[in-house]
Protein backbone atom coordinates (compact mmCIF):
# COMPACT_ATOMS: atom_id res chain seq x y z
CA MET A 1 -115.67 -11.93 34.61
CA LYS A 2 -119.08 -12.71 34.93
CA TYR A 3 -120.80 -15.48 32.80
CA GLN A 4 -123.38 -12.65 31.31
CA ASN A 5 -120.07 -11.20 29.79
CA ILE A 6 -118.37 -14.20 28.35
CA HIS A 7 -121.63 -16.68 27.30
CA VAL A 8 -121.83 -14.47 23.98
CA TYR A 9 -118.38 -15.29 23.01
CA SER A 10 -117.44 -18.10 20.20
CA ASP A 11 -116.86 -21.59 21.41
CA GLU A 12 -112.89 -20.99 21.09
CA SER A 13 -112.72 -17.98 23.12
CA PHE A 14 -115.05 -19.35 25.69
CA ARG A 15 -112.49 -22.33 26.06
CA ARG A 16 -109.52 -20.01 26.19
CA ILE A 17 -111.20 -17.84 28.74
CA THR A 18 -112.67 -20.61 31.08
CA GLY A 19 -110.21 -23.60 30.37
CA VAL A 20 -113.11 -25.89 29.67
CA ASN A 21 -115.08 -26.58 26.45
CA ARG A 22 -118.75 -24.89 26.70
CA HIS A 23 -120.42 -28.44 26.55
CA THR A 24 -118.23 -29.33 29.66
CA PHE A 25 -119.00 -26.11 31.43
CA ASP A 26 -122.86 -26.72 31.00
CA LYS A 27 -122.51 -30.43 32.27
CA MET A 28 -120.96 -29.01 35.27
CA VAL A 29 -123.53 -26.44 35.80
CA GLU A 30 -126.27 -29.25 35.16
CA ILE A 31 -124.25 -31.42 38.06
CA LEU A 32 -124.11 -28.27 40.48
CA ASN A 33 -127.77 -27.49 39.99
CA ALA A 34 -128.96 -30.94 40.66
CA LYS A 35 -126.85 -31.11 43.83
CA TYR A 36 -127.97 -27.70 44.75
CA LEU A 37 -131.77 -28.87 44.36
CA GLU A 38 -131.25 -31.94 46.27
CA GLU A 39 -129.50 -29.91 49.18
CA HIS A 40 -132.25 -27.13 49.52
CA SER A 41 -135.45 -29.14 48.50
CA SER A 42 -135.54 -31.26 51.67
CA ASN A 43 -135.03 -28.10 53.77
CA SER A 44 -138.46 -26.84 54.43
CA ARG A 45 -137.21 -23.47 55.56
CA LYS A 46 -137.50 -20.85 53.18
CA SER A 47 -135.78 -18.10 55.26
CA GLY A 48 -132.24 -16.86 54.92
CA ASN A 49 -130.38 -14.86 52.33
CA LYS A 50 -130.54 -15.54 48.60
CA PHE A 51 -127.38 -16.10 46.76
CA LYS A 52 -125.78 -13.04 44.65
CA LEU A 53 -124.42 -15.38 42.38
CA ILE A 54 -126.10 -17.49 39.76
CA MET A 55 -124.64 -21.16 39.30
CA GLU A 56 -122.69 -20.26 36.34
CA ASP A 57 -121.01 -17.48 38.06
CA ARG A 58 -120.06 -19.72 41.01
CA LEU A 59 -118.45 -22.26 38.66
CA LEU A 60 -117.03 -19.62 36.62
CA SER A 61 -115.18 -18.10 40.01
CA THR A 62 -113.88 -21.63 40.72
CA LEU A 63 -112.34 -21.91 37.18
CA GLU A 64 -110.55 -18.61 37.61
CA TYR A 65 -109.34 -19.68 41.28
CA LEU A 66 -108.02 -23.16 39.82
CA ARG A 67 -106.91 -21.82 36.44
CA GLU A 68 -105.32 -18.43 37.37
CA TYR A 69 -104.36 -19.08 40.91
CA ARG A 70 -106.25 -15.68 42.00
CA PRO A 71 -106.66 -14.76 45.42
CA TYR A 72 -109.97 -15.08 46.99
CA ILE A 73 -109.86 -11.38 47.72
CA HIS A 74 -109.62 -10.55 44.06
CA ILE A 75 -112.18 -13.02 42.63
CA ALA A 76 -114.48 -11.60 45.72
CA ALA A 77 -113.94 -8.12 44.38
CA SER A 78 -114.72 -9.15 40.81
CA TYR A 79 -117.89 -10.64 41.68
CA GLY A 80 -119.16 -8.34 44.42
CA VAL A 81 -119.36 -10.57 47.25
CA HIS A 82 -117.32 -11.17 50.56
CA GLU A 83 -114.01 -13.24 50.39
CA SER A 84 -115.43 -15.93 52.96
CA THR A 85 -118.47 -16.31 50.38
CA ILE A 86 -115.99 -16.93 47.81
CA TYR A 87 -114.07 -19.49 49.71
CA ARG A 88 -117.27 -21.37 50.52
CA ILE A 89 -118.45 -21.44 46.99
CA ILE A 90 -115.33 -22.73 45.62
CA LYS A 91 -115.21 -25.25 48.26
CA TRP A 92 -118.57 -26.50 47.71
CA VAL A 93 -118.06 -26.45 43.73
CA GLU A 94 -114.83 -28.59 44.01
CA ASN A 95 -116.41 -31.07 46.50
CA THR A 96 -119.64 -31.15 44.48
CA LEU A 97 -117.86 -32.22 41.22
CA ILE A 98 -115.36 -34.55 42.84
CA LYS A 99 -118.10 -36.30 44.65
CA ASP A 100 -120.08 -36.87 41.32
CA GLY A 101 -117.21 -38.64 39.76
CA THR A 102 -118.10 -37.42 36.11
CA PHE A 103 -114.92 -35.61 35.51
CA SER A 104 -112.45 -38.10 37.41
CA LEU A 105 -109.44 -39.33 35.93
CA PRO A 106 -108.67 -43.11 35.93
CA GLY A 107 -106.40 -44.13 38.66
CA LYS A 108 -102.81 -45.42 38.61
CA LYS A 109 -104.24 -49.13 38.76
CA ALA A 110 -106.45 -48.65 35.64
CA LEU A 111 -103.38 -47.13 34.08
CA LEU A 112 -101.45 -50.06 34.81
CA LYS A 113 -104.09 -52.70 33.43
CA SER A 114 -104.47 -50.91 30.03
CA ASN A 115 -103.13 -52.18 26.93
CA ILE A 116 -101.26 -49.15 26.07
CA ASP A 117 -97.40 -49.14 26.26
CA TYR A 118 -95.79 -46.21 27.44
CA GLU A 119 -92.44 -45.25 26.37
CA VAL A 120 -90.20 -43.61 28.80
CA VAL A 121 -87.16 -41.31 27.80
CA LEU A 122 -84.65 -40.69 30.31
CA ILE A 123 -82.36 -37.63 29.69
CA ASP A 124 -78.86 -37.52 31.69
CA VAL A 125 -78.16 -33.89 32.58
CA ALA A 126 -74.67 -33.61 34.04
CA GLU A 127 -73.76 -30.43 35.67
CA SER A 128 -70.85 -28.58 34.00
CA PRO A 129 -69.15 -25.70 35.51
CA ILE A 130 -69.78 -22.29 34.08
CA GLU A 131 -66.98 -20.44 32.38
CA ARG A 132 -66.51 -16.97 33.85
CA PRO A 133 -63.58 -14.68 33.81
CA LYS A 134 -61.21 -14.97 36.71
CA LYS A 135 -61.23 -12.12 39.08
CA ASN A 136 -58.13 -10.27 39.48
CA SER A 137 -58.03 -8.46 42.89
CA GLY A 138 -54.88 -6.49 41.94
CA ILE A 139 -56.28 -4.97 38.95
CA THR A 140 -59.45 -4.12 40.40
CA ILE A 141 -57.90 -2.37 43.34
CA GLN A 142 -55.52 -0.42 41.05
CA ALA A 143 -58.49 0.60 39.06
CA ARG A 144 -60.25 1.98 41.98
CA LYS A 145 -57.12 4.09 43.21
CA ARG A 146 -56.92 5.67 39.94
CA ASN A 147 -60.56 6.81 39.89
CA ILE A 148 -60.55 8.25 43.61
CA PRO A 149 -59.88 12.14 43.25
């Protein structure tokens, strides 16, 4: 599904489809655009193929991959590009957002230093045998003999 189709949806529908709020999606696009401009402004060459996908579609394809576990070939078919192109796009988007750090979760040490008390509940699950009827091979053999013409 392309961004031009879903950007008109309500905020709730947008979140349900993409997995993130519209504000978060827009913030991700800003980060990706800034990184893209940073990488390509220093490059004086103007040659090469232009990208078929706008930045919103690149992010949306990455979210589809992460949220739905769709294979690259399915996502590529949805957007009309090659499978290797989708792979490169997804890896670039993931690495860019990870390096930015805006959406990083606190590490284990930060959680240990916090003043929040966590309550842990352990549930003991014991294995119990399943009660099944006992097979009686004598009855089964007799029933087979009666059914044979």
